Amino acid sequence: MPRDFEGGWIATLVITALAGFLRFWNLSNPVKFVFDETYYAKDAYSLLKFGYARQFIDQPEGAADKAILAGNLDVFKGTPSLTVHPEVGKWMIAAGEQLFGMTPFGWRFMPALFGTLTVLLVVRTVRRMTRSTLIGAVAGLLLAVDGLHFVMSRVALLDVFLAYWLVAAVSCLVCDRDWTRRRHADSLAKQDDFAPRKFGRWLLIRPWRILAGVCFGLALGTKWSAVWVLAAFGILVFAWDFGARRALGSRFTFVKSVLVDGIPAFVSIVLVAGITYTATWTGWLLHDNAYDHDYASKNPATGIMKVVPDDFRSLIHYHQEVYDFHTGDYIKKATHPYASNPAGWPIIARPIGFDAVNDIKPGSPGCNPPAGSNCLSVISAVGTPILWWAGALALLASVVLWIGQRDWRFGIPVIGFVTCWVPWFAYDDRPIFFFYAVTMIPFTVMAVALVLGKILGPAKTLEGTAAPRRLIGSAIVGAFVVLVVLNFAYIWPILTDKVLPHPDWLSRMWFKTWI
């Protein structure tokens, strides 16, 4: 690792502070429920108040939202509600509501906080992967100024929490890789060069992997789509272990690695994730009035299910209902104006609008348009285009560098990106949305940063002098980062509900599919 420990943390905290300032600035605006905040913010408050989700008044349409914004929180019925995602993300939103009240700032506080912390994790993870504080800082800065991650950090939806827990889990696995190899190296240094190496060092209890399992469990407890990332990285870390033991000269490496590394890894990561996920349903299990909690009492068990406690049998049925909600025939017939095919996500083919106020008349606050034009204000969940387009190229380069040069570092963004993207193609027969791609962007900026590191080149040549290509590389990297920052600044008004004359808004809608 770099020896600039203090400098590394100074850079990390400065970039994290910048990301936090951007995300917390004017967080209460707009003073309304934005997009699906109308579900998640109220479900979170219901969990906080009752311990389980309840239905809320819905007549006339929007009555509950108007009452809450007016300060009346008595909007919940006595009947339980089927919520179609696990509860971790909603409990996290609830924590902000507990601290700051059932207000826009309250329900957006935790998304902004964890969006900011994701930037911190990316800096530290990439720094560890590259052994470069500079490259780690570049990765964090790029994530800080991505439009999609910025918007998702300022609305009370679940996906920014999912992104955080996935990045946290992967970060733990990268730490474990260093931790493990350092111990292998220490053991090797103590051995006679000709001593037989039967297994290498036994490392059955690996703290970083257990922590990764907890993070994966919390990711699953936010959204089930985390399962694909868990499965793929489980295979990847086994490959890392196998490679390490083969480098040590262990005999019958594959079989021994399965026994010594694979089985303990399954326990530490997969089993711990499963236990953590089950624990996230504690609130539902403890409240008899929760939705479908009485299913088992109304439907006696048969066969092998007799050995399953009634509470868990009801929970299994609840999961079946949620799965049916997401995959049933009725939803395949549904349409939505902002539905987006995942094939277009890497190039931002169809972003999503979260809020819009159209036809703001001239003379209204902030509205000074050209003659014959009105103003509007919008929140568009659109990624910073230059970053995303460069990211698509960087990911392709990462595949080549991972396979062609056997550079393990590039496998991390490739696996992370692919597992957050490809599974959605199985569900493209129902409305899905671009904002799901917020889990992809941390891995995208990792790929961009790693490729920029290749462009930057080594700080010194073998003779100990600065290489000329380093100067050229620095200019290219610096120019790219500045260009991304300027691009973010340009689209800032459509990310933050700013009042814009119609021509100015249209100049930021670069393609018809963005409107």
Protein backbone atom coordinates (compact mmCIF):
# COMPACT_ATOMS: atom_id res chain seq x y z
CA MET A 1 0.00 0.00 0.00
CA PRO A 2 1.14 3.62 -0.51
CA ARG A 3 3.04 5.09 2.41
CA ASP A 4 1.05 8.36 2.26
CA PHE A 5 -1.47 7.16 4.85
CA GLU A 6 -2.35 10.66 6.05
CA GLY A 7 -2.38 12.03 2.53
CA GLY A 8 -4.59 9.18 1.39
CA TRP A 9 -7.16 9.93 4.07
CA ILE A 10 -6.99 13.67 3.45
CA ALA A 11 -7.76 13.09 -0.25
CA THR A 12 -10.52 10.64 0.66
CA LEU A 13 -12.20 12.99 3.12
CA VAL A 14 -11.96 16.03 0.83
CA ILE A 15 -13.66 14.18 -2.02
CA THR A 16 -16.22 12.67 0.35
CA ALA A 17 -16.96 16.14 1.75
CA LEU A 18 -17.45 17.45 -1.79
CA ALA A 19 -19.84 14.59 -2.57
CA GLY A 20 -21.70 15.24 0.68
CA PHE A 21 -22.01 18.96 -0.01
CA LEU A 22 -23.46 18.29 -3.45
CA ARG A 23 -25.93 15.71 -2.14
CA PHE A 24 -27.10 17.54 0.98
CA TRP A 25 -27.33 21.01 -0.56
CA ASN A 26 -30.99 22.11 -0.71
CA LEU A 27 -32.03 18.51 -0.02
CA SER A 28 -35.56 19.47 1.06
CA ASN A 29 -36.37 20.79 -2.40
CA PRO A 30 -38.83 20.00 -3.89
CA VAL A 31 -41.20 19.99 -0.93
CA LYS A 32 -43.25 17.06 -2.19
CA PHE A 33 -43.09 13.32 -2.66
CA VAL A 34 -40.93 12.67 -5.72
CA PHE A 35 -41.77 9.64 -7.85
CA ASP A 36 -41.84 6.45 -5.72
CA GLU A 37 -41.06 8.36 -2.53
CA THR A 38 -44.83 8.24 -2.13
CA TYR A 39 -44.49 4.52 -1.32
CA TYR A 40 -41.11 4.15 0.35
CA ALA A 41 -41.19 7.19 2.62
CA LYS A 42 -44.63 6.25 3.97
CA ASP A 43 -43.77 2.54 4.28
CA ALA A 44 -40.64 3.56 6.20
CA TYR A 45 -42.63 5.73 8.59
CA SER A 46 -45.16 2.93 9.05
CA LEU A 47 -42.34 0.56 10.01
CA LEU A 48 -41.05 3.15 12.43
CA LYS A 49 -44.46 3.76 14.01
CA PHE A 50 -46.02 0.30 14.01
CA GLY A 51 -43.16 -2.12 13.34
CA TYR A 52 -44.75 -3.33 10.11
CA ALA A 53 -46.14 -1.76 6.95
CA ARG A 54 -49.75 -0.53 6.96
CA GLN A 55 -51.94 0.75 4.19
CA PHE A 56 -52.55 4.47 4.03
CA ILE A 57 -55.57 6.51 2.99
CA ASP A 58 -55.85 6.85 -0.76
CA GLN A 59 -59.12 8.70 -1.35
CA PRO A 60 -59.15 11.22 -2.81
CA GLU A 61 -56.02 10.46 -4.81
CA GLY A 62 -52.92 11.82 -3.10
CA ALA A 63 -54.74 12.49 0.16
CA ALA A 64 -52.04 10.89 2.31
CA ASP A 65 -49.25 12.86 0.65
CA LYS A 66 -51.08 16.17 1.08
CA ALA A 67 -51.87 15.43 4.72
CA ILE A 68 -48.25 14.56 5.55
CA LEU A 69 -46.91 17.69 3.86
CA ALA A 70 -49.45 19.68 5.88
CA GLY A 71 -48.13 18.13 9.09
CA ASN A 72 -50.89 15.55 9.65
CA LEU A 73 -49.32 12.11 10.05
CA ASP A 74 -52.54 10.29 10.91
CA VAL A 75 -52.84 8.76 7.44
CA PHE A 76 -52.56 5.03 8.09
CA LYS A 77 -55.33 2.47 8.10
CA GLY A 78 -55.42 -0.47 10.49
CA THR A 79 -54.89 -3.00 7.70
CA PRO A 80 -51.41 -4.34 6.84
CA SER A 81 -49.81 -3.66 3.48
CA LEU A 82 -47.99 -5.96 1.07
CA THR A 83 -44.65 -4.30 0.40
CA VAL A 84 -42.93 -5.67 -2.66
CA HIS A 85 -39.31 -5.33 -1.54
CA PRO A 86 -37.51 -6.47 1.63
CA GLU A 87 -37.34 -4.06 4.52
CA VAL A 88 -33.70 -2.99 4.97
CA GLY A 89 -33.84 0.03 2.67
CA LYS A 90 -37.11 1.21 4.22
CA TRP A 91 -35.71 0.85 7.74
CA MET A 92 -32.75 2.97 6.62
CA ILE A 93 -35.11 5.66 5.33
CA ALA A 94 -37.00 5.37 8.63
CA ALA A 95 -33.81 6.19 10.55
CA GLY A 96 -33.69 9.58 8.84
CA GLU A 97 -37.37 10.14 9.58
CA GLN A 98 -36.71 9.33 13.24
CA LEU A 99 -33.91 11.89 13.36
CA PHE A 100 -35.46 14.71 11.34
CA GLY A 101 -39.17 14.00 11.21
CA MET A 102 -41.56 12.94 8.49
CA THR A 103 -40.39 15.69 6.14
CA PRO A 104 -38.66 15.73 2.76
CA PHE A 105 -35.32 16.28 4.48
CA GLY A 106 -36.08 13.48 6.94
CA TRP A 107 -36.87 10.84 4.34
CA ARG A 108 -34.03 11.93 2.04
CA PHE A 109 -31.34 12.21 4.72
CA MET A 110 -30.22 8.58 4.72
CA PRO A 111 -30.09 8.24 0.91
CA ALA A 112 -27.86 11.35 0.81
CA LEU A 113 -25.68 10.00 3.62
CA PHE A 114 -25.20 6.56 2.11
CA GLY A 115 -24.74 7.99 -1.37
CA THR A 116 -21.92 10.05 0.10
CA LEU A 117 -20.43 7.07 1.93
CA THR A 118 -20.43 5.10 -1.32
CA VAL A 119 -18.03 7.70 -2.73
CA LEU A 120 -15.75 7.17 0.28
CA LEU A 121 -15.80 3.40 -0.22
CA VAL A 122 -14.96 3.72 -3.91
CA VAL A 123 -11.95 5.93 -3.14
CA ARG A 124 -10.56 3.50 -0.59
CA THR A 125 -11.32 0.38 -2.64
CA VAL A 126 -9.73 1.64 -5.84
CA ARG A 127 -6.76 2.97 -3.84
CA ARG A 128 -6.26 -0.52 -2.41
CA MET A 129 -6.65 -2.16 -5.83
CA THR A 130 -4.19 0.17 -7.57
CA ARG A 131 -1.87 1.11 -4.68
CA SER A 132 -2.38 4.69 -5.85
CA THR A 133 -4.01 7.46 -3.85
CA LEU A 134 -4.32 9.50 -7.05
CA ILE A 135 -6.27 6.86 -8.96
CA GLY A 136 -8.48 6.19 -5.94
CA ALA A 137 -9.22 9.90 -5.67
CA VAL A 138 -10.05 10.10 -9.38
CA ALA A 139 -12.54 7.23 -9.01
CA GLY A 140 -14.25 8.90 -6.07
CA LEU A 141 -14.41 12.26 -7.79
CA LEU A 142 -15.98 10.72 -10.90
CA LEU A 143 -18.67 9.02 -8.81
CA ALA A 144 -19.29 12.25 -6.90
CA VAL A 145 -20.18 14.05 -10.14
CA ASP A 146 -22.25 11.35 -11.81
CA GLY A 147 -25.74 12.65 -12.46
CA LEU A 148 -27.61 9.38 -11.84
CA HIS A 149 -25.86 8.59 -8.57
CA PHE A 150 -26.34 12.22 -7.51
CA VAL A 151 -30.10 12.16 -8.13
CA MET A 152 -30.58 8.75 -6.54
CA SER A 153 -28.75 10.04 -3.45
CA ARG A 154 -31.34 12.81 -3.13
CA VAL A 155 -34.57 10.80 -3.33
CA ALA A 156 -35.97 8.23 -0.91
CA LEU A 157 -35.79 5.16 -3.12
CA LEU A 158 -34.03 1.89 -2.35
CA ASP A 159 -31.44 1.59 -5.08
CA VAL A 160 -28.79 3.88 -3.62
CA PHE A 161 -28.76 1.69 -0.51
CA LEU A 162 -28.41 -1.40 -2.68
CA ALA A 163 -25.44 0.21 -4.44
CA TYR A 164 -23.83 1.04 -1.09
CA TRP A 165 -24.12 -2.46 0.37
CA LEU A 166 -22.83 -4.07 -2.83
CA VAL A 167 -19.80 -1.77 -2.97
CA ALA A 168 -19.22 -2.37 0.75
CA ALA A 169 -19.29 -6.15 0.24
CA VAL A 170 -16.88 -5.99 -2.69
CA SER A 171 -14.61 -3.65 -0.75
CA CYS A 172 -14.45 -6.23 2.05
CA LEU A 173 -13.53 -8.94 -0.44
CA VAL A 174 -10.68 -6.80 -1.80
CA CYS A 175 -9.44 -6.25 1.76
CA ASP A 176 -9.66 -10.00 2.36
CA ARG A 177 -7.55 -10.64 -0.73
CA ASP A 178 -4.75 -8.50 0.71
CA TRP A 179 -5.21 -9.91 4.21
CA THR A 180 -5.02 -13.50 2.94
CA ARG A 181 -2.04 -13.10 0.64
CA ARG A 182 -0.10 -11.22 3.27
CA ARG A 183 -0.52 -14.17 5.63
CA HIS A 184 0.42 -16.65 2.93
CA ALA A 185 3.55 -14.62 2.24
CA ASP A 186 4.45 -14.50 5.93
CA SER A 187 4.09 -18.28 6.17
CA LEU A 188 6.15 -18.84 3.05
CA ALA A 189 8.95 -16.65 4.36
CA LYS A 190 9.24 -18.89 7.44
CA GLN A 191 9.49 -22.12 5.44
CA ASP A 192 12.54 -23.86 4.04
CA ASP A 193 12.49 -23.33 0.28
CA PHE A 194 12.49 -27.11 -0.19
CA ALA A 195 9.85 -27.89 2.44
CA PRO A 196 6.78 -29.63 1.04
CA ARG A 197 3.76 -27.36 0.83
CA LYS A 198 0.74 -29.54 1.38
CA PHE A 199 -1.91 -26.90 1.73
CA GLY A 200 -0.33 -23.56 2.31
CA ARG A 201 -1.66 -21.72 5.31
CA TRP A 202 -5.07 -22.72 6.70
CA LEU A 203 -7.26 -19.61 6.94
CA LEU A 204 -10.66 -20.89 7.97
CA ILE A 205 -11.86 -17.77 9.77
CA ARG A 206 -11.46 -14.68 7.63
CA PRO A 207 -13.01 -11.57 9.24
CA TRP A 208 -13.27 -9.55 6.03
CA ARG A 209 -15.24 -12.33 4.34
CA ILE A 210 -17.65 -12.59 7.24
CA LEU A 211 -18.20 -8.84 7.02
CA ALA A 212 -18.70 -9.18 3.26
CA GLY A 213 -21.36 -11.80 3.97
CA VAL A 214 -23.14 -9.38 6.30
CA CYS A 215 -23.03 -6.66 3.64
CA PHE A 216 -24.35 -9.02 0.96
CA GLY A 217 -27.14 -10.03 3.33
CA LEU A 218 -28.10 -6.39 3.84
CA ALA A 219 -27.96 -5.86 0.07
CA LEU A 220 -30.37 -8.80 -0.38
CA GLY A 221 -32.49 -7.28 2.37
CA THR A 222 -32.75 -4.15 0.25
CA LYS A 223 -33.45 -5.75 -3.14
CA TRP A 224 -33.24 -9.35 -4.28
CA SER A 225 -31.25 -8.46 -7.39
CA ALA A 226 -28.15 -8.52 -5.15
CA VAL A 227 -28.18 -12.33 -5.39
CA TRP A 228 -26.48 -12.25 -8.79
CA VAL A 229 -23.62 -10.11 -7.51
CA LEU A 230 -23.21 -12.41 -4.50
CA ALA A 231 -23.06 -15.51 -6.70
CA ALA A 232 -20.56 -14.09 -9.19
CA PHE A 233 -18.18 -12.66 -6.60
CA GLY A 234 -18.37 -15.92 -4.69
CA ILE A 235 -16.91 -17.63 -7.76
CA LEU A 236 -14.37 -14.86 -8.29
CA VAL A 237 -12.97 -15.04 -4.75
CA PHE A 238 -12.56 -18.79 -5.10
CA ALA A 239 -10.54 -18.12 -8.25
CA TRP A 240 -8.39 -15.70 -6.25
CA ASP A 241 -7.78 -18.34 -3.58
CA PHE A 242 -6.99 -21.00 -6.14
CA GLY A 243 -4.50 -18.69 -7.84
CA ALA A 244 -2.84 -17.84 -4.53
CA ARG A 245 -2.34 -21.48 -3.53
CA ARG A 246 -1.09 -22.40 -6.98
CA ALA A 247 1.46 -19.57 -6.72
CA LEU A 248 2.58 -21.06 -3.40
CA GLY A 249 3.32 -24.34 -5.13
CA SER A 250 0.60 -26.37 -3.41
CA ARG A 251 0.02 -29.83 -4.85
CA PHE A 252 -3.42 -30.85 -6.13
CA THR A 253 -4.30 -27.20 -5.84
CA PHE A 254 -7.89 -27.25 -7.06
CA VAL A 255 -9.10 -30.01 -4.76
CA LYS A 256 -7.30 -28.58 -1.78
CA SER A 257 -8.53 -25.10 -2.53
CA VAL A 258 -12.10 -26.36 -2.61
CA LEU A 259 -11.66 -27.92 0.82
CA VAL A 260 -9.53 -25.27 2.51
CA ASP A 261 -10.96 -22.14 0.86
CA GLY A 262 -14.18 -22.95 -0.98
CA ILE A 263 -16.20 -24.50 1.84
CA PRO A 264 -15.17 -21.90 4.45
CA ALA A 265 -15.89 -19.15 1.89
CA PHE A 266 -19.39 -20.54 1.32
CA VAL A 267 -20.00 -20.44 5.06
CA SER A 268 -18.45 -16.99 5.56
CA ILE A 269 -20.10 -15.30 2.59
CA VAL A 270 -23.20 -17.19 1.45
CA LEU A 271 -24.37 -18.67 4.73
CA VAL A 272 -23.68 -15.48 6.67
CA ALA A 273 -25.53 -13.52 3.98
CA GLY A 274 -28.51 -15.87 4.32
CA ILE A 275 -28.55 -15.54 8.11
CA THR A 276 -28.25 -11.76 7.86
CA TYR A 277 -31.04 -11.59 5.30
CA THR A 278 -33.35 -13.67 7.50
CA ALA A 279 -32.53 -11.44 10.48
CA THR A 280 -33.68 -8.39 8.50
CA TRP A 281 -37.22 -9.78 8.67
CA THR A 282 -37.24 -9.73 12.47
CA GLY A 283 -39.78 -6.90 12.56
CA TRP A 284 -42.17 -8.81 10.33
CA LEU A 285 -41.68 -12.01 12.34
CA LEU A 286 -42.39 -10.27 15.65
CA HIS A 287 -45.64 -8.59 14.59
CA ASP A 288 -48.62 -10.89 14.21
CA ASN A 289 -50.55 -8.14 12.38
CA ALA A 290 -48.04 -7.94 9.53
CA TYR A 291 -49.24 -8.82 6.04
CA ASP A 292 -49.78 -12.59 5.60
CA HIS A 293 -48.32 -13.35 9.03
CA ASP A 294 -51.40 -15.50 9.74
CA TYR A 295 -51.03 -17.55 6.55
CA ALA A 296 -49.65 -20.62 8.34
CA SER A 297 -52.44 -20.65 10.94
CA LYS A 298 -55.05 -20.62 8.16
CA ASN A 299 -53.26 -23.20 6.00
CA PRO A 300 -52.04 -26.24 8.00
CA ALA A 301 -48.73 -27.66 6.87
CA THR A 302 -48.38 -30.88 4.93
CA GLY A 303 -45.42 -33.11 4.21
CA ILE A 304 -41.95 -31.83 4.94
CA MET A 305 -43.27 -28.33 5.67
CA LYS A 306 -44.54 -29.61 9.02
CA VAL A 307 -41.04 -29.24 10.41
CA VAL A 308 -40.93 -25.53 9.48
CA PRO A 309 -42.15 -23.17 12.24
CA ASP A 310 -45.38 -21.39 11.34
CA ASP A 311 -43.81 -17.92 11.37
CA PHE A 312 -41.22 -18.96 8.80
CA ARG A 313 -43.77 -20.83 6.70
CA SER A 314 -45.81 -17.63 6.56
CA LEU A 315 -42.66 -15.71 5.61
CA ILE A 316 -41.94 -18.16 2.79
CA HIS A 317 -45.48 -17.64 1.48
CA TYR A 318 -44.97 -13.88 1.71
CA HIS A 319 -41.88 -14.22 -0.47
CA GLN A 320 -43.90 -16.19 -3.01
CA GLU A 321 -46.45 -13.39 -3.16
CA VAL A 322 -43.75 -10.78 -3.67
CA TYR A 323 -42.14 -12.84 -6.43
CA ASP A 324 -45.52 -13.25 -8.13
CA PHE A 325 -46.01 -9.49 -7.97
CA HIS A 326 -42.75 -8.91 -9.85
CA THR A 327 -43.21 -11.68 -12.43
CA GLY A 328 -46.97 -12.14 -12.82
CA ASP A 329 -48.76 -11.89 -16.14
CA TYR A 330 -50.51 -8.69 -15.14
CA ILE A 331 -47.24 -6.76 -14.82
CA LYS A 332 -46.02 -8.05 -18.19
CA LYS A 333 -48.96 -6.25 -19.76
CA ALA A 334 -48.24 -3.01 -17.94
CA THR A 335 -46.72 0.01 -19.67
CA HIS A 336 -44.92 3.09 -18.46
CA PRO A 337 -43.78 6.16 -20.41
CA TYR A 338 -40.28 5.96 -18.92
CA ALA A 339 -39.79 2.20 -19.31
CA SER A 340 -36.23 1.55 -20.47
CA ASN A 341 -34.71 -1.51 -22.09
CA PRO A 342 -31.50 -2.52 -20.28
CA ALA A 343 -29.67 -2.80 -23.60
CA GLY A 344 -29.60 0.99 -23.68
CA TRP A 345 -28.50 1.61 -20.09
CA PRO A 346 -24.72 1.79 -20.67
CA ILE A 347 -25.22 4.64 -23.17
CA ILE A 348 -28.14 6.34 -21.34
CA ALA A 349 -30.60 5.61 -24.13
CA ARG A 350 -33.69 6.28 -22.02
CA PRO A 351 -33.28 8.07 -18.66
CA ILE A 352 -36.22 8.71 -16.37
CA GLY A 353 -37.95 11.86 -15.19
CA PHE A 354 -38.72 11.93 -11.46
CA ASP A 355 -40.50 15.27 -11.29
CA ALA A 356 -41.63 18.03 -13.63
CA VAL A 357 -43.49 21.31 -13.35
CA ASN A 358 -44.34 22.54 -16.83
CA ASP A 359 -45.59 25.85 -18.25
CA ILE A 360 -44.17 28.11 -15.57
CA LYS A 361 -45.20 31.57 -16.71
CA PRO A 362 -42.77 34.46 -17.29
CA GLY A 363 -42.45 36.62 -14.22
CA SER A 364 -42.70 33.66 -11.85
CA PRO A 365 -39.70 33.30 -9.47
CA GLY A 366 -36.61 32.44 -11.51
CA CYS A 367 -38.46 32.47 -14.84
CA ASN A 368 -37.09 34.98 -17.33
CA PRO A 369 -37.36 33.23 -20.70
CA PRO A 370 -37.02 34.61 -24.20
CA ALA A 371 -40.14 36.18 -25.62
CA GLY A 372 -42.83 33.66 -26.48
CA SER A 373 -41.42 30.95 -24.22
CA ASN A 374 -42.30 29.56 -20.80
CA CYS A 375 -40.16 27.88 -18.11
CA LEU A 376 -40.18 24.49 -16.45
CA SER A 377 -38.39 22.69 -13.63
CA VAL A 378 -37.49 19.00 -13.72
CA ILE A 379 -35.59 16.28 -11.92
CA SER A 380 -34.19 13.93 -14.55
CA ALA A 381 -32.32 10.84 -13.41
CA VAL A 382 -29.69 10.97 -16.14
CA GLY A 383 -26.07 9.92 -15.82
CA THR A 384 -23.29 12.34 -16.68
CA PRO A 385 -23.07 11.47 -20.39
CA ILE A 386 -19.33 11.79 -20.97
CA LEU A 387 -18.62 9.62 -17.94
CA TRP A 388 -21.07 6.90 -18.98
CA TRP A 389 -19.93 6.79 -22.59
CA ALA A 390 -16.28 6.66 -21.56
CA GLY A 391 -17.28 4.05 -18.99
CA ALA A 392 -18.72 1.79 -21.68
CA LEU A 393 -15.39 1.89 -23.51
CA ALA A 394 -13.43 1.42 -20.28
CA LEU A 395 -15.43 -1.69 -19.43
CA LEU A 396 -14.64 -3.19 -22.83
CA ALA A 397 -10.97 -2.40 -22.25
CA SER A 398 -11.24 -3.94 -18.79
CA VAL A 399 -12.40 -7.24 -20.27
CA VAL A 400 -9.34 -7.29 -22.53
CA LEU A 401 -6.94 -6.33 -19.74
CA TRP A 402 -8.45 -8.81 -17.30
CA ILE A 403 -8.29 -11.74 -19.70
CA GLY A 404 -5.38 -10.72 -21.90
CA GLN A 405 -3.01 -9.46 -19.21
CA ARG A 406 -4.45 -11.54 -16.37
CA ASP A 407 -4.77 -8.38 -14.30
CA TRP A 408 -7.11 -9.39 -11.46
CA ARG A 409 -8.08 -5.80 -10.70
CA PHE A 410 -10.06 -5.38 -13.91
CA GLY A 411 -12.20 -8.39 -13.08
CA ILE A 412 -13.84 -6.51 -10.21
CA PRO A 413 -15.56 -3.78 -12.27
CA VAL A 414 -16.39 -6.23 -15.05
CA ILE A 415 -18.07 -8.73 -12.72
CA GLY A 416 -19.77 -5.99 -10.74
CA PHE A 417 -21.13 -4.24 -13.82
CA VAL A 418 -22.26 -7.40 -15.60
CA THR A 419 -24.09 -8.83 -12.58
CA CYS A 420 -25.88 -5.52 -11.97
CA TRP A 421 -26.90 -5.28 -15.63
CA VAL A 422 -27.31 -8.55 -17.50
CA PRO A 423 -29.92 -10.20 -15.19
CA TRP A 424 -32.39 -7.45 -16.05
CA PHE A 425 -32.65 -8.75 -19.62
CA ALA A 426 -34.67 -11.67 -18.21
CA TYR A 427 -37.31 -9.17 -17.09
CA ASP A 428 -37.43 -6.82 -20.06
CA ASP A 429 -40.96 -7.99 -20.86
CA ARG A 430 -42.24 -5.74 -18.06
CA PRO A 431 -41.56 -2.07 -17.30
CA ILE A 432 -38.07 -1.60 -15.89
CA PHE A 433 -36.24 1.66 -15.48
CA PHE A 434 -32.87 3.29 -15.99
CA PHE A 435 -32.50 4.25 -12.34
CA TYR A 436 -31.87 0.56 -11.54
CA ALA A 437 -28.51 1.17 -13.22
CA VAL A 438 -27.29 3.22 -10.23
CA THR A 439 -25.76 -0.03 -8.94
CA MET A 440 -23.69 -0.21 -12.13
CA ILE A 441 -22.05 3.20 -11.93
CA PRO A 442 -19.68 2.54 -8.97
CA PHE A 443 -18.20 -0.36 -10.92
CA THR A 444 -18.14 1.74 -14.07
CA VAL A 445 -16.05 4.46 -12.41
CA MET A 446 -13.73 1.75 -11.07
CA ALA A 447 -13.16 0.60 -14.66
CA VAL A 448 -12.62 4.18 -15.85
CA ALA A 449 -10.15 4.87 -13.04
CA LEU A 450 -8.19 1.67 -13.72
CA VAL A 451 -7.94 2.48 -17.43
CA LEU A 452 -6.91 6.06 -16.62
CA GLY A 453 -4.21 4.55 -14.42
CA LYS A 454 -2.90 2.66 -17.44
CA ILE A 455 -2.94 5.88 -19.47
CA LEU A 456 -1.19 7.76 -16.67
CA GLY A 457 1.66 5.28 -16.54
CA PRO A 458 4.32 4.82 -13.86
CA ALA A 459 5.56 7.79 -11.88
CA LYS A 460 9.21 6.89 -12.57
CA THR A 461 11.21 4.93 -15.10
CA LEU A 462 13.73 2.27 -14.18
CA GLU A 463 16.35 5.03 -14.11
CA GLY A 464 14.33 6.85 -11.43
CA THR A 465 13.26 9.84 -13.53
CA ALA A 466 9.80 10.95 -14.50
CA ALA A 467 8.80 9.37 -17.78
CA PRO A 468 7.71 11.74 -20.60
CA ARG A 469 4.61 9.61 -21.17
CA ARG A 470 3.68 10.34 -17.57
CA LEU A 471 3.37 14.00 -18.47
CA ILE A 472 1.24 13.19 -21.49
CA GLY A 473 -0.81 10.74 -19.45
CA SER A 474 -1.36 13.33 -16.73
CA ALA A 475 -2.62 15.81 -19.29
CA ILE A 476 -5.07 13.26 -20.74
CA VAL A 477 -6.34 12.16 -17.34
CA GLY A 478 -6.66 15.72 -16.09
CA ALA A 479 -8.47 16.86 -19.21
CA PHE A 480 -10.92 13.95 -18.97
CA VAL A 481 -11.73 14.60 -15.31
CA VAL A 482 -12.25 18.32 -15.96
CA LEU A 483 -14.50 17.50 -18.92
CA VAL A 484 -16.66 15.19 -16.77
CA VAL A 485 -16.94 17.84 -14.04
CA LEU A 486 -17.98 20.49 -16.58
CA ASN A 487 -20.50 18.08 -18.10
CA PHE A 488 -22.00 17.49 -14.65
CA ALA A 489 -22.16 21.23 -14.02
CA TYR A 490 -23.97 21.71 -17.32
CA ILE A 491 -26.70 19.18 -16.56
CA TRP A 492 -26.95 20.28 -12.90
CA PRO A 493 -30.16 22.31 -13.43
CA ILE A 494 -32.10 19.30 -14.75
CA LEU A 495 -30.90 17.19 -11.83
CA THR A 496 -31.98 19.65 -9.14
CA ASP A 497 -35.40 21.02 -10.14
CA LYS A 498 -34.03 24.39 -11.20
CA VAL A 499 -36.39 26.71 -13.07
CA LEU A 500 -35.19 26.84 -16.68
CA PRO A 501 -36.45 28.59 -19.81
CA HIS A 502 -37.74 25.95 -22.22
CA PRO A 503 -34.88 26.47 -24.74
CA ASP A 504 -32.28 26.01 -21.97
CA TRP A 505 -33.95 22.79 -20.84
CA LEU A 506 -34.13 21.55 -24.42
CA SER A 507 -30.40 22.22 -24.90
CA ARG A 508 -29.74 19.66 -22.16
CA MET A 509 -32.04 17.05 -23.66
CA TRP A 510 -29.48 15.80 -26.15
CA PHE A 511 -31.67 13.08 -27.66
CA LYS A 512 -35.41 12.71 -28.25
CA THR A 513 -35.43 9.58 -26.11
CA TRP A 514 -34.40 11.71 -23.12
CA ILE A 515 -37.63 13.70 -23.19
